Amino acid sequence: MPAVLWKVDGNVLDLTPRALVMGVLNVTPDSFSDGGEFFATRAAVKHGREMARSGADIVDVGGESTRPGATPVSPDEEMERVLPVIRELAGSIPAQLSIDTSKAAVARAALEAGASIINDVSGGRGDSAMLPLAAEKGAALIIMHMQGTPGTMQAHPTYGDVVAEVGDFFRQQFAQAVRCGVDPTCIAFDPGIGFGKTVAHNLDLLANLPRLRVENRPLVVGVSRKSFLGQISGPSGDRASATVALTSLLRVRGGDVLRVHDVAQNSAALRTTEALLAATR
């Protein structure tokens, strides 16, 4: 298999021997996992620095919850939440900064404040200005698949063949992004685990990651603490431990960027797995 390359902040990274850890930094009062723990700027900045020290290669800053049933916030409110955090972290940590948004105005302001990656849960469909913005700024771009919107996505997720349909979406959006002038090397894809998917859909996608790879672009996978883990992990319902287990397995199966809340534990699991893969002959 050829090397998996991703252009971030003007540098081409080879993710073949070493995957990236993306730490989740929710600057929101209502996220499904941390419940507003890092809503205050000072707490968010502190946590971002802790994640970088613990092994995060990317800190993904989001100011709007995308949990099932979440209510949208205005671009101005979203910017008020994320921009002070990005400005504080930019240049002060070794990790790259990502803006988790589907709004081009928010993405533009975040890039100008020091972010280098756009993580768009709408996959470029939520705002017609997003793909041209990524092209203009030369930003790395994560195109995620979601059926519906955060408010509706878990109502009745339905697919004929979820793997084929998500793969088709990636091909469609890749072509659209390139038409808008986005450098193909800047693009990565995320199957959107839990975003308009049942437990069975999630497992089907995770079991078939190689079928989702389009144009040899990196695959970003975010399973961290998600509800389906509690449904399949037994009586303990320990989503954090289940996440660590999947981080190792998904690296073997083709995950190139692992988006997690618990950076230290998942980073340790990932690097241990990669050491074993490197020693395998």
Protein backbone atom coordinates (compact mmCIF):
# COMPACT_ATOMS: atom_id res chain seq x y z
CA MET A 1 0.00 0.00 0.00
CA PRO A 2 1.38 3.46 -0.83
CA ALA A 3 2.14 5.88 1.98
CA VAL A 4 -0.81 7.73 3.49
CA LEU A 5 0.09 11.42 3.32
CA TRP A 6 -1.73 14.43 4.76
CA LYS A 7 -0.77 18.06 4.20
CA VAL A 8 -1.26 20.11 7.37
CA ASP A 9 -0.05 23.68 7.82
CA GLY A 10 2.11 23.38 4.70
CA ASN A 11 3.85 20.20 5.87
CA VAL A 12 3.21 16.78 4.34
CA LEU A 13 2.87 14.20 7.11
CA ASP A 14 3.39 10.48 6.49
CA LEU A 15 0.77 8.71 8.59
CA THR A 16 1.83 5.25 7.48
CA PRO A 17 4.22 4.53 10.39
CA ARG A 18 2.67 6.90 12.92
CA ALA A 19 -0.99 7.80 13.29
CA LEU A 20 -2.12 11.07 14.83
CA VAL A 21 -4.00 11.53 18.08
CA MET A 22 -6.67 14.24 17.92
CA GLY A 23 -7.74 15.45 21.35
CA VAL A 24 -11.34 16.64 21.75
CA LEU A 25 -11.74 20.09 23.33
CA ASN A 26 -15.43 20.97 23.69
CA VAL A 27 -15.90 24.63 24.59
CA THR A 28 -19.64 24.09 25.08
CA PRO A 29 -22.05 23.86 28.01
CA ASP A 30 -23.88 20.78 26.71
CA SER A 31 -21.50 18.28 25.11
CA PHE A 32 -22.48 14.64 25.54
CA SER A 33 -19.22 13.61 27.20
CA ASP A 34 -17.81 16.37 29.38
CA GLY A 35 -20.97 18.36 30.11
CA GLY A 36 -19.46 21.84 30.02
CA GLU A 37 -16.37 21.01 32.08
CA PHE A 38 -14.21 23.10 29.72
CA PHE A 39 -16.72 25.79 28.79
CA ALA A 40 -14.74 28.55 30.51
CA THR A 41 -11.81 29.83 28.44
CA ARG A 42 -9.24 29.32 31.20
CA ALA A 43 -10.33 25.71 31.79
CA ALA A 44 -10.36 25.00 28.04
CA VAL A 45 -6.87 26.42 27.52
CA LYS A 46 -5.52 24.44 30.48
CA HIS A 47 -7.04 21.24 29.15
CA GLY A 48 -5.72 21.88 25.64
CA ARG A 49 -2.21 22.22 27.03
CA GLU A 50 -2.62 19.07 29.11
CA MET A 51 -3.73 17.12 26.04
CA ALA A 52 -0.69 18.32 24.08
CA ARG A 53 1.60 17.24 26.93
CA SER A 54 -0.15 13.86 27.03
CA GLY A 55 0.51 13.12 23.36
CA ALA A 56 -2.13 14.91 21.29
CA ASP A 57 -0.85 15.78 17.82
CA ILE A 58 -4.00 17.83 17.15
CA VAL A 59 -6.31 19.67 19.53
CA ASP A 60 -9.79 19.87 18.03
CA VAL A 61 -11.64 22.92 19.36
CA GLY A 62 -15.43 23.01 19.01
CA GLY A 63 -17.94 25.60 20.15
CA GLU A 64 -21.19 23.93 19.14
CA SER A 65 -22.41 20.60 20.47
CA THR A 66 -23.15 17.99 17.81
CA ARG A 67 -24.64 15.42 20.19
CA PRO A 68 -27.96 13.89 19.08
CA GLY A 69 -30.72 16.45 19.47
CA ALA A 70 -28.34 19.38 19.93
CA THR A 71 -29.62 22.89 19.27
CA PRO A 72 -27.55 25.00 16.83
CA VAL A 73 -25.85 28.20 18.03
CA SER A 74 -25.16 31.35 16.04
CA PRO A 75 -21.79 31.93 14.34
CA ASP A 76 -21.13 34.87 16.66
CA GLU A 77 -21.73 32.80 19.79
CA GLU A 78 -19.61 29.96 18.43
CA MET A 79 -16.74 32.38 17.72
CA GLU A 80 -17.01 33.92 21.18
CA ARG A 81 -16.45 30.46 22.62
CA VAL A 82 -13.61 29.17 20.47
CA LEU A 83 -11.50 32.13 19.34
CA PRO A 84 -10.05 33.08 22.75
CA VAL A 85 -9.05 29.44 23.27
CA ILE A 86 -7.43 29.10 19.86
CA ARG A 87 -5.55 32.38 20.27
CA GLU A 88 -4.17 31.26 23.65
CA LEU A 89 -3.13 27.83 22.39
CA ALA A 90 -1.73 28.87 19.00
CA GLY A 91 2.04 28.81 19.08
CA SER A 92 2.14 27.79 22.74
CA ILE A 93 1.75 24.03 22.24
CA PRO A 94 3.42 21.66 19.76
CA ALA A 95 0.07 20.29 18.54
CA GLN A 96 -1.80 21.56 15.50
CA LEU A 97 -5.16 23.20 16.15
CA SER A 98 -8.36 22.12 14.45
CA ILE A 99 -11.67 23.97 14.37
CA ASP A 100 -14.70 21.70 14.67
CA THR A 101 -17.40 23.66 12.83
CA SER A 102 -19.74 23.53 9.85
CA LYS A 103 -19.84 27.33 9.47
CA ALA A 104 -17.40 29.00 7.07
CA ALA A 105 -17.36 32.28 9.01
CA VAL A 106 -16.31 30.46 12.17
CA ALA A 107 -13.72 28.43 10.28
CA ARG A 108 -12.24 31.55 8.67
CA ALA A 109 -11.91 33.34 12.01
CA ALA A 110 -10.37 30.24 13.61
CA LEU A 111 -7.82 29.84 10.83
CA GLU A 112 -6.86 33.49 11.19
CA ALA A 113 -6.52 32.97 14.96
CA GLY A 114 -4.10 30.07 14.53
CA ALA A 115 -5.96 26.89 13.56
CA SER A 116 -4.70 24.92 10.56
CA ILE A 117 -7.39 22.22 10.14
CA ILE A 118 -11.11 22.48 9.42
CA ASN A 119 -13.10 19.57 10.85
CA ASP A 120 -16.53 19.85 9.21
CA VAL A 121 -19.19 17.45 10.51
CA SER A 122 -21.41 18.40 7.55
CA GLY A 123 -18.73 17.27 5.11
CA GLY A 124 -18.81 20.55 3.20
CA ARG A 125 -22.59 20.52 2.73
CA GLY A 126 -23.62 22.77 5.61
CA ASP A 127 -22.16 25.98 4.20
CA SER A 128 -21.45 26.51 0.49
CA ALA A 129 -18.53 28.78 1.39
CA MET A 130 -16.63 26.11 3.35
CA LEU A 131 -14.87 24.28 0.51
CA PRO A 132 -13.82 27.51 -1.26
CA LEU A 133 -12.51 28.76 2.11
CA ALA A 134 -10.40 25.64 2.59
CA ALA A 135 -8.99 26.15 -0.89
CA GLU A 136 -8.27 29.83 -0.30
CA LYS A 137 -6.49 29.24 3.01
CA GLY A 138 -4.73 26.01 2.06
CA ALA A 139 -6.21 24.46 5.19
CA ALA A 140 -6.28 20.78 5.95
CA LEU A 141 -9.89 19.60 5.68
CA ILE A 142 -11.71 16.72 7.35
CA ILE A 143 -14.88 15.77 5.47
CA MET A 144 -17.23 13.85 7.75
CA HIS A 145 -20.33 11.89 6.83
CA MET A 146 -23.57 12.55 8.70
CA GLN A 147 -27.07 11.47 7.77
CA GLY A 148 -29.42 14.34 8.65
CA THR A 149 -28.47 16.99 11.21
CA PRO A 150 -27.50 16.70 14.89
CA GLY A 151 -31.11 17.51 15.72
CA THR A 152 -32.54 14.69 13.58
CA MET A 153 -29.73 12.25 12.83
CA GLN A 154 -30.64 9.54 15.34
CA ALA A 155 -34.39 9.55 14.65
CA HIS A 156 -34.46 6.79 12.02
CA PRO A 157 -31.02 6.16 10.46
CA THR A 158 -31.59 4.09 7.31
CA TYR A 159 -29.19 2.75 4.68
CA GLY A 160 -29.25 0.07 2.01
CA ASP A 161 -25.50 -0.52 2.40
CA VAL A 162 -23.94 1.91 4.88
CA VAL A 163 -20.35 1.19 3.82
CA ALA A 164 -21.08 1.70 0.13
CA GLU A 165 -23.13 4.83 0.75
CA VAL A 166 -20.54 6.48 2.99
CA GLY A 167 -17.83 5.60 0.45
CA ASP A 168 -19.91 7.14 -2.34
CA PHE A 169 -20.35 10.28 -0.26
CA PHE A 170 -16.60 10.54 0.22
CA ARG A 171 -16.00 10.23 -3.53
CA GLN A 172 -18.65 12.84 -4.26
CA GLN A 173 -17.31 15.35 -1.75
CA PHE A 174 -13.70 14.72 -2.75
CA ALA A 175 -14.56 15.63 -6.33
CA GLN A 176 -16.50 18.69 -5.18
CA ALA A 177 -13.65 19.88 -2.97
CA VAL A 178 -11.11 19.48 -5.75
CA ARG A 179 -13.41 21.41 -8.12
CA CYS A 180 -13.43 24.20 -5.53
CA GLY A 181 -9.63 24.26 -5.58
CA VAL A 182 -8.81 22.27 -2.44
CA ASP A 183 -5.42 20.55 -2.63
CA PRO A 184 -6.25 16.80 -2.63
CA THR A 185 -3.37 16.15 -0.24
CA CYS A 186 -5.09 18.37 2.35
CA ILE A 187 -8.25 16.22 2.47
CA ALA A 188 -9.07 13.53 5.04
CA PHE A 189 -12.31 11.61 5.62
CA ASP A 190 -14.30 10.67 8.72
CA PRO A 191 -17.14 8.10 8.50
CA GLY A 192 -19.02 9.90 11.28
CA ILE A 193 -19.50 7.11 13.79
CA GLY A 194 -22.71 7.80 15.69
CA PHE A 195 -23.82 10.57 13.34
CA GLY A 196 -27.01 9.18 11.85
CA LYS A 197 -26.04 5.55 12.43
CA THR A 198 -27.33 2.66 14.52
CA VAL A 199 -25.03 0.37 16.49
CA ALA A 200 -25.06 -2.06 13.56
CA HIS A 201 -24.16 0.72 11.11
CA ASN A 202 -21.28 1.84 13.33
CA LEU A 203 -19.89 -1.67 13.60
CA ASP A 204 -20.23 -2.27 9.86
CA LEU A 205 -18.26 0.89 9.10
CA LEU A 206 -15.53 0.14 11.65
CA ALA A 207 -15.17 -3.43 10.39
CA ASN A 208 -14.75 -2.23 6.81
CA LEU A 209 -12.47 0.82 7.05
CA PRO A 210 -10.34 -0.23 4.04
CA ARG A 211 -13.44 -0.02 1.82
CA LEU A 212 -13.90 3.60 2.87
CA ARG A 213 -10.47 4.81 1.76
CA VAL A 214 -10.83 7.16 -1.22
CA GLU A 215 -7.85 8.39 -3.25
CA ASN A 216 -5.57 7.06 -0.49
CA ARG A 217 -6.72 9.88 1.78
CA PRO A 218 -6.34 9.54 5.57
CA LEU A 219 -9.20 8.15 7.61
CA VAL A 220 -10.17 9.99 10.79
CA VAL A 221 -12.10 7.86 13.27
CA GLY A 222 -13.92 9.13 16.35
CA VAL A 223 -15.51 6.52 18.61
CA SER A 224 -14.47 8.06 21.91
CA ARG A 225 -16.99 7.55 24.75
CA LYS A 226 -19.89 7.27 22.30
CA SER A 227 -23.14 5.70 23.43
CA PHE A 228 -22.91 2.64 21.18
CA LEU A 229 -19.83 1.54 23.16
CA GLY A 230 -21.94 1.39 26.29
CA GLN A 231 -24.51 -0.70 24.47
CA ILE A 232 -22.01 -3.33 23.36
CA SER A 233 -19.44 -3.37 26.18
CA GLY A 234 -21.54 -5.19 28.75
CA PRO A 235 -22.81 -4.39 32.25
CA SER A 236 -19.87 -2.16 33.21
CA GLY A 237 -20.64 0.29 30.41
CA ASP A 238 -17.06 1.55 30.61
CA ARG A 239 -16.88 3.61 27.44
CA ALA A 240 -13.39 4.96 28.16
CA SER A 241 -11.85 1.48 28.31
CA ALA A 242 -13.79 0.39 25.24
CA THR A 243 -12.40 3.43 23.41
CA VAL A 244 -8.81 2.48 24.24
CA ALA A 245 -9.38 -1.05 22.94
CA LEU A 246 -10.81 0.26 19.68
CA THR A 247 -7.98 2.78 19.25
CA SER A 248 -5.51 -0.09 19.03
CA LEU A 249 -7.71 -2.24 16.81
CA LEU A 250 -8.68 0.58 14.47
CA ARG A 251 -5.05 1.48 13.93
CA VAL A 252 -4.46 -2.06 12.70
CA ARG A 253 -7.59 -1.85 10.55
CA GLY A 254 -6.61 1.41 8.84
CA GLY A 255 -7.36 4.37 11.10
CA ASP A 256 -4.88 7.20 10.54
CA VAL A 257 -6.17 9.88 12.93
CA LEU A 258 -7.87 8.80 16.17
CA ARG A 259 -10.14 11.42 17.75
CA VAL A 260 -10.34 10.87 21.52
CA HIS A 261 -11.17 12.52 24.84
CA ASP A 262 -8.70 10.60 27.03
CA VAL A 263 -5.46 11.45 25.27
CA ALA A 264 -2.87 9.86 27.57
CA GLN A 265 -4.50 6.43 27.67
CA ASN A 266 -5.28 6.28 23.96
CA SER A 267 -1.89 7.64 22.96
CA ALA A 268 -0.17 4.92 25.01
CA ALA A 269 -2.33 2.24 23.42
CA LEU A 270 -1.72 3.60 19.92
CA ARG A 271 2.07 3.83 20.26
CA THR A 272 2.25 0.34 21.76
CA THR A 273 0.25 -1.05 18.86
CA GLU A 274 2.47 0.73 16.34
CA ALA A 275 5.61 -0.67 17.99
CA LEU A 276 4.22 -4.17 17.55
CA LEU A 277 3.25 -3.47 13.95
CA ALA A 278 6.76 -2.17 13.22
CA ALA A 279 8.30 -5.32 14.71
CA THR A 280 6.05 -7.65 12.74
CA ARG A 281 7.79 -9.32 9.81
